[in-house]
Protein backbone atom coordinates (compact mmCIF):
# COMPACT_ATOMS: atom_id res chain seq x y z
CA UNK A 1 -13.60 -28.59 -49.17
CA UNK A 2 -14.94 -25.02 -49.63
CA UNK A 3 -18.59 -24.32 -50.34
CA UNK A 4 -17.52 -23.32 -53.88
CA UNK A 5 -16.60 -26.73 -54.71
CA UNK A 6 -19.39 -28.58 -53.53
CA UNK A 7 -22.00 -30.25 -55.59
CA UNK A 8 -25.61 -31.09 -55.60
CA UNK A 9 -25.29 -34.78 -56.40
CA UNK A 10 -28.03 -37.39 -57.06
CA UNK A 11 -27.04 -40.72 -56.27
CA UNK A 12 -29.61 -43.27 -58.13
CA UNK A 13 -29.71 -46.74 -56.29
CA UNK A 14 -31.86 -49.55 -56.19
CA UNK A 15 -33.81 -50.20 -59.18
CA UNK A 16 -35.69 -53.38 -60.18
CA UNK A 17 -32.81 -55.67 -61.34
CA UNK A 18 -31.77 -58.57 -59.58
CA UNK A 19 -29.06 -56.81 -58.20
CA UNK A 20 -31.31 -54.34 -56.31
CA UNK A 21 -29.99 -54.98 -52.64
CA UNK A 22 -26.52 -54.63 -53.85
CA UNK A 23 -27.15 -51.66 -55.61
CA UNK A 24 -28.94 -50.03 -52.38
CA UNK A 25 -25.82 -50.84 -50.02
CA UNK A 26 -23.37 -49.19 -52.84
CA UNK A 27 -25.31 -46.01 -53.26
CA UNK A 28 -25.40 -45.82 -49.42
CA UNK A 29 -21.67 -46.11 -48.95
CA UNK A 30 -21.15 -44.05 -51.62
CA UNK A 31 -23.57 -41.02 -50.26
CA UNK A 32 -21.89 -41.35 -47.14
CA UNK A 33 -18.18 -40.66 -48.42
CA UNK A 34 -19.84 -38.04 -50.98
CA UNK A 35 -21.36 -36.14 -47.83
CA UNK A 36 -18.18 -36.54 -46.08
CA UNK A 37 -16.54 -34.77 -48.89
CA UNK A 38 -18.87 -32.01 -48.11
CA UNK A 39 -21.50 -32.53 -51.19
CA UNK A 40 -25.11 -32.08 -50.85
CA UNK A 41 -26.41 -35.80 -51.59
CA UNK A 42 -29.78 -37.23 -52.64
CA UNK A 43 -30.16 -40.89 -52.83
CA UNK A 44 -33.13 -41.74 -54.98
CA UNK A 45 -34.90 -44.52 -56.75
CA UNK A 46 -35.13 -44.70 -60.53
CA UNK A 47 -39.05 -44.16 -61.10
CA UNK A 48 -41.51 -43.09 -63.70
CA UNK A 49 -40.74 -39.28 -62.45
CA UNK A 50 -37.17 -39.36 -62.44
CA UNK A 51 -36.73 -36.95 -65.61
CA UNK A 52 -39.68 -34.88 -64.48
CA UNK A 53 -38.09 -34.22 -61.33
CA UNK A 54 -34.58 -33.58 -62.90
CA UNK A 55 -36.38 -30.89 -64.99
CA UNK A 56 -37.73 -29.39 -61.98
CA UNK A 57 -34.58 -29.13 -59.79
CA UNK A 58 -31.56 -30.31 -61.71
CA UNK A 59 -28.50 -31.87 -60.00
CA UNK A 60 -25.04 -30.80 -60.64
CA UNK A 61 -24.23 -34.45 -61.15
CA UNK A 62 -25.79 -37.70 -61.20
CA UNK A 63 -23.84 -41.09 -60.10
CA UNK A 64 -25.64 -44.47 -61.25
CA UNK A 65 -25.13 -46.93 -58.50
CA UNK A 66 -27.71 -49.24 -60.58
CA UNK A 67 -26.22 -52.35 -60.72
CA UNK A 68 -27.87 -54.66 -63.53
CA UNK A 69 -29.28 -53.79 -66.57
CA UNK A 70 -30.97 -50.71 -65.46
CA UNK A 71 -27.59 -49.08 -64.76
CA UNK A 72 -25.34 -50.77 -66.81
CA UNK A 73 -26.69 -51.37 -70.24
CA UNK A 74 -26.26 -47.70 -71.41
CA UNK A 75 -30.07 -46.95 -71.63
CA UNK A 76 -30.10 -44.83 -68.83
CA UNK A 77 -26.63 -42.97 -69.68
CA UNK A 78 -28.07 -42.12 -73.09
CA UNK A 79 -31.12 -40.66 -71.53
CA UNK A 80 -28.84 -38.61 -69.19
CA UNK A 81 -26.79 -37.42 -71.97
CA UNK A 82 -29.83 -36.58 -73.99
CA UNK A 83 -31.10 -34.17 -71.27
CA UNK A 84 -27.52 -32.76 -71.04
CA UNK A 85 -27.51 -34.27 -67.40
CA UNK A 86 -23.85 -34.84 -66.39
CA UNK A 87 -23.35 -38.07 -64.76
CA UNK A 88 -20.13 -40.29 -63.32
CA UNK A 89 -19.28 -43.22 -65.24
CA UNK A 90 -19.04 -44.55 -68.90
CA UNK A 91 -21.17 -43.12 -71.99
CA UNK A 92 -23.71 -45.52 -73.09
CA UNK A 93 -21.74 -46.88 -76.15
CA UNK A 94 -19.22 -48.15 -73.94
CA UNK A 95 -21.55 -49.07 -71.22
CA UNK A 96 -23.18 -51.56 -73.88
CA UNK A 97 -19.88 -53.05 -74.73
CA UNK A 98 -18.89 -53.74 -71.09
CA UNK A 99 -22.38 -55.16 -70.36
CA UNK A 100 -22.56 -57.61 -72.97
CA UNK A 101 -19.76 -60.01 -72.23
CA UNK A 102 -19.29 -61.68 -75.22
CA UNK A 103 -19.13 -58.42 -77.22
CA UNK A 104 -16.52 -57.21 -74.86
CA UNK A 105 -14.67 -60.79 -74.96
CA UNK A 106 -14.50 -60.31 -79.12
CA UNK A 107 -13.03 -56.92 -79.01
CA UNK A 108 -10.24 -57.95 -76.14
CA UNK A 109 -9.66 -61.02 -78.24
CA UNK A 110 -9.38 -59.07 -81.60
CA UNK A 111 -7.01 -56.61 -79.87
CA UNK A 112 -4.64 -59.34 -79.15
CA UNK A 113 -5.42 -59.83 -75.16
CA UNK A 114 -5.87 -63.35 -73.70
CA UNK A 115 -9.52 -64.35 -72.82
CA UNK A 116 -10.80 -67.82 -72.02
CA UNK A 117 -12.16 -69.70 -74.94
CA UNK A 118 -15.83 -69.11 -74.87
CA UNK A 119 -19.62 -69.93 -76.99
CA UNK A 120 -22.05 -67.55 -76.77
CA UNK A 121 -25.59 -69.21 -76.71
CA UNK A 122 -28.88 -67.56 -76.98
CA UNK A 123 -31.91 -69.38 -75.23
CA UNK A 124 -33.68 -69.89 -78.77
CA UNK A 125 -30.34 -72.06 -79.94
CA UNK A 126 -31.96 -74.63 -77.65
CA UNK A 127 -35.42 -74.68 -78.86
CA UNK A 128 -34.20 -74.70 -82.62
CA UNK A 129 -31.48 -77.29 -82.38
CA UNK A 130 -32.43 -79.24 -79.25
CA UNK A 131 -30.88 -79.56 -75.99
CA UNK A 132 -28.94 -82.56 -76.45
CA UNK A 133 -27.32 -81.63 -79.58
CA UNK A 134 -26.44 -78.30 -78.46
CA UNK A 135 -24.80 -79.60 -74.99
CA UNK A 136 -22.98 -82.19 -76.80
CA UNK A 137 -21.52 -79.33 -79.15
CA UNK A 138 -20.81 -77.20 -76.07
CA UNK A 139 -18.88 -80.13 -74.24
CA UNK A 140 -16.92 -80.85 -77.64
CA UNK A 141 -15.92 -77.29 -78.08
CA UNK A 142 -15.37 -76.35 -74.88
CA UNK A 143 -15.16 -79.34 -72.39
CA UNK A 144 -14.79 -79.77 -68.78
CA UNK A 145 -14.11 -77.64 -66.48
CA UNK A 146 -15.83 -74.78 -67.80
CA UNK A 147 -17.61 -71.76 -66.34
CA UNK A 148 -21.36 -70.90 -67.33
CA UNK A 149 -22.62 -67.42 -66.70
CA UNK A 150 -25.27 -64.91 -68.03
CA UNK A 151 -24.23 -63.13 -71.12
CA UNK A 152 -25.17 -59.82 -68.81
CA UNK A 153 -25.24 -58.99 -65.09
CA UNK A 154 -22.80 -59.45 -62.25
CA UNK A 155 -22.69 -60.18 -58.62
CA UNK A 156 -22.07 -63.78 -60.02
CA UNK A 157 -25.56 -64.41 -59.99
CA UNK A 158 -26.58 -67.35 -62.27
CA UNK A 159 -22.95 -68.56 -62.27
CA UNK A 160 -21.95 -72.03 -62.23
CA UNK A 161 -18.53 -73.95 -62.19
CA UNK A 162 -18.94 -77.18 -64.27
CA UNK A 163 -16.65 -79.58 -63.24
CA UNK A 164 -18.37 -82.75 -64.39
CA UNK A 165 -20.73 -82.77 -67.67
CA UNK A 166 -23.76 -83.94 -65.81
CA UNK A 167 -23.79 -80.42 -64.15
CA UNK A 168 -24.14 -78.47 -67.57
CA UNK A 169 -27.63 -78.84 -68.12
CA UNK A 170 -28.85 -77.29 -64.57
CA UNK A 171 -25.97 -74.61 -65.31
CA UNK A 172 -27.50 -73.41 -68.47
CA UNK A 173 -31.02 -73.21 -66.88
CA UNK A 174 -29.84 -70.99 -64.00
CA UNK A 175 -27.52 -68.63 -66.45
CA UNK A 176 -30.81 -68.54 -68.64
CA UNK A 177 -32.78 -67.09 -65.43
CA UNK A 178 -30.55 -63.81 -65.22
CA UNK A 179 -30.25 -63.54 -69.00
CA UNK A 180 -31.46 -64.82 -72.61
CA UNK A 181 -27.81 -65.61 -73.78
CA UNK A 182 -25.53 -67.61 -71.56
CA UNK A 183 -21.69 -67.73 -72.03
CA UNK A 184 -19.76 -70.87 -71.52
CA UNK A 185 -16.16 -70.10 -70.82
CA UNK A 186 -13.14 -72.78 -70.53
CA UNK A 187 -12.06 -72.47 -67.11
CA UNK A 188 -8.84 -71.24 -66.33
CA UNK A 189 -6.90 -72.00 -63.17
CA UNK A 190 -5.13 -69.26 -61.31
CA UNK A 191 -4.91 -66.12 -59.24
CA UNK A 192 -7.96 -64.40 -59.60
CA UNK A 193 -7.48 -60.26 -59.71
CA UNK A 194 -9.82 -57.34 -59.52
CA UNK A 195 -8.20 -54.34 -60.85
CA UNK A 196 -9.84 -50.89 -60.40
CA UNK A 197 -8.87 -47.97 -63.00
CA UNK A 198 -9.82 -44.55 -62.33
CA UNK A 199 -9.39 -41.64 -63.99
CA UNK A 200 -8.59 -38.56 -61.76
CA UNK A 201 -7.48 -36.04 -64.58
CA UNK A 202 -4.35 -37.53 -65.54
CA UNK A 203 -5.66 -40.13 -67.88
CA UNK A 204 -6.80 -43.90 -66.63
CA UNK A 205 -4.68 -45.19 -63.89
CA UNK A 206 -4.81 -48.94 -62.55
CA UNK A 207 -4.99 -48.86 -58.38
CA UNK A 208 -3.31 -51.92 -56.92
CA UNK A 209 -4.69 -55.33 -57.80
CA UNK A 210 -6.98 -57.07 -55.32
CA UNK A 211 -6.49 -60.82 -54.94
CA UNK A 212 -9.81 -62.60 -54.20
CA UNK A 213 -9.85 -66.12 -52.53
CA UNK A 214 -12.93 -67.40 -51.92
CA UNK A 215 -13.00 -69.67 -48.43
CA UNK A 216 -15.10 -72.11 -50.47
CA UNK A 217 -12.98 -71.99 -53.71
CA UNK A 218 -16.09 -70.34 -55.88
CA UNK A 219 -16.66 -66.83 -55.81
CA UNK A 220 -20.07 -67.05 -55.46
CA UNK A 221 -22.91 -64.18 -54.75
CA UNK A 222 -23.05 -65.28 -51.17
CA UNK A 223 -18.80 -65.12 -51.13
CA UNK A 224 -18.90 -61.56 -52.73
CA UNK A 225 -21.38 -59.70 -50.03
CA UNK A 226 -21.12 -62.14 -46.85
CA UNK A 227 -17.97 -60.99 -44.58
CA UNK A 228 -15.73 -63.60 -43.87
CA UNK A 229 -16.41 -65.93 -46.99
CA UNK A 230 -13.57 -64.53 -48.93
CA UNK A 231 -9.88 -63.41 -48.05
CA UNK A 232 -8.93 -60.31 -50.21
CA UNK A 233 -5.29 -59.28 -50.41
CA UNK A 234 -4.52 -55.80 -51.38
CA UNK A 235 -2.37 -55.54 -52.93
CA UNK A 236 -2.39 -58.65 -54.73
CA UNK A 237 0.25 -61.48 -53.64
CA UNK A 238 1.97 -61.55 -57.13
CA UNK A 239 5.52 -60.29 -57.94
CA UNK A 240 6.00 -56.96 -59.25
CA UNK A 241 6.24 -57.69 -62.79
CA UNK A 242 3.27 -59.80 -63.20
CA UNK A 243 1.19 -57.07 -61.15
CA UNK A 244 2.81 -54.73 -63.46
CA UNK A 245 1.48 -56.70 -66.15
CA UNK A 246 -1.99 -57.31 -64.97
CA UNK A 247 -2.56 -53.54 -64.26
CA UNK A 248 -1.16 -52.47 -67.51
CA UNK A 249 -3.55 -54.97 -69.45
CA UNK A 250 -6.63 -53.69 -67.40
CA UNK A 251 -5.73 -50.09 -68.55
CA UNK A 252 -5.57 -50.86 -72.08
CA UNK A 253 -8.84 -52.96 -71.93
CA UNK A 254 -10.39 -49.93 -70.29
CA UNK A 255 -9.49 -47.56 -72.88
CA UNK A 256 -10.19 -50.09 -75.43
CA UNK A 257 -13.49 -50.43 -74.37
CA UNK A 258 -13.97 -46.64 -74.53
CA UNK A 259 -14.76 -46.78 -70.68
CA UNK A 260 -14.83 -43.69 -68.65
CA UNK A 261 -13.85 -42.27 -65.15
CA UNK A 262 -14.04 -45.60 -63.27
CA UNK A 263 -14.15 -49.28 -64.22
CA UNK A 264 -13.05 -52.61 -62.62
CA UNK A 265 -11.38 -55.26 -64.93
CA UNK A 266 -11.49 -59.01 -63.73
CA UNK A 267 -8.58 -61.06 -64.73
CA UNK A 268 -6.84 -64.45 -64.05
CA UNK A 269 -3.34 -64.96 -63.89
CA UNK A 270 -2.55 -68.47 -64.43
CA UNK A 271 0.74 -70.63 -63.54
CA UNK A 272 2.58 -69.22 -66.85
CA UNK A 273 2.07 -65.65 -66.17
CA UNK A 274 -0.39 -65.34 -68.69
CA UNK A 275 -3.24 -62.67 -68.17
CA UNK A 276 -6.81 -63.76 -69.01
CA UNK A 277 -9.28 -60.99 -69.31
CA UNK A 278 -12.49 -62.02 -67.92
CA UNK A 279 -15.12 -59.56 -68.07
CA UNK A 280 -15.10 -55.44 -67.60
CA UNK A 281 -17.62 -53.67 -65.00
CA UNK A 282 -18.35 -50.15 -65.96
CA UNK A 283 -20.36 -49.65 -62.60
CA UNK A 284 -18.44 -51.77 -60.15
CA UNK A 285 -19.90 -52.52 -56.54
CA UNK A 286 -19.03 -49.89 -53.72
CA UNK A 287 -20.31 -51.74 -50.77
CA UNK A 288 -18.33 -52.36 -47.53
CA UNK A 289 -17.22 -55.87 -49.30
CA UNK A 290 -16.75 -54.79 -52.72
CA UNK A 291 -13.09 -54.65 -54.42
CA UNK A 292 -13.08 -51.07 -55.60
CA UNK A 293 -13.08 -49.81 -52.33
CA UNK A 294 -10.13 -52.00 -51.04
CA UNK A 295 -8.05 -51.23 -53.98
CA UNK A 296 -8.68 -47.31 -53.28
CA UNK A 297 -7.34 -47.84 -49.85
CA UNK A 298 -4.61 -50.25 -50.87
CA UNK A 299 -3.15 -47.14 -53.06
CA UNK A 300 -3.09 -45.16 -49.95
CA UNK A 301 -6.05 -42.89 -51.10
CA UNK A 302 -9.62 -42.17 -49.16
CA UNK A 303 -12.77 -43.09 -50.65
CA UNK A 304 -14.26 -39.42 -50.23
CA UNK A 305 -11.53 -38.01 -52.04
CA UNK A 306 -11.61 -40.12 -54.94
CA UNK A 307 -15.34 -40.32 -55.63
CA UNK A 308 -15.45 -36.32 -54.97
CA UNK A 309 -12.58 -36.30 -57.80
CA UNK A 310 -15.01 -38.43 -60.24
CA UNK A 311 -18.00 -36.01 -59.48
CA UNK A 312 -15.77 -33.18 -60.31
CA UNK A 313 -14.09 -35.02 -63.30
CA UNK A 314 -17.86 -35.71 -64.58
CA UNK A 315 -18.37 -31.85 -64.42
CA UNK A 316 -15.70 -31.00 -66.85
CA UNK A 317 -15.84 -34.00 -69.23
């Protein structure tokens, strides 16, 4: 890389969300790759002096690696955009759509894509209608097996597979630990795929799908970030037609939600070949066990080249 193409980049990592440790790992790996590409990189925590510091010494580009609300709900992006600071990733409006999973599911469903049947339940619903009655309606409407998860957040925190109705009350409590709204979905059996979508300058393109096979059968927080607890296959072990359908679905959902530069779309392909949308991640993890880096390498690309291209895209978008 020539000096002319080297940029001053601020990577934001850490923060105060439940995903702080994952964010720090993403930020460290990302900054290493950007430095390898020749950029000048500063890794810093978001704090009360962030924008004052940016005003005094503005970076060319900011790359938020803040998993959780502090980086993914769209507020930070709105502030950066208001200051005229260029950044990698989706704008605030699209970030908000992807961040609140029920909204993303409504948009995807209305666009004609398959997504598991669901209920979105604010915690206040239990206070107003009573736990017994609400849980009974959940079981009647969704049944078991089901997946209970926070309506916001990632890294599988607060997620429970409910195979038996007796587990449901505790699953709801766990979900409410991470969000004021819980999402209860019908569980779909099949092959779980994570599909990275990147825009390197020719529009959004899907990288090879990564197949996820947790050793325990559940892709939990531990299975995501502890080496050896999940088997990953990149590219996924599905036939070419299914792979093409899954990746085209991911690109279309990326566009539908208005995402920018990079995203990860999570789906399940069932035995009939239906691709079921689970969720969209506008700020996917970039740790040593994360899925997007595996997809980049499966495509025959280098992390440093892709990340460098994205920061240059942020300069022109």
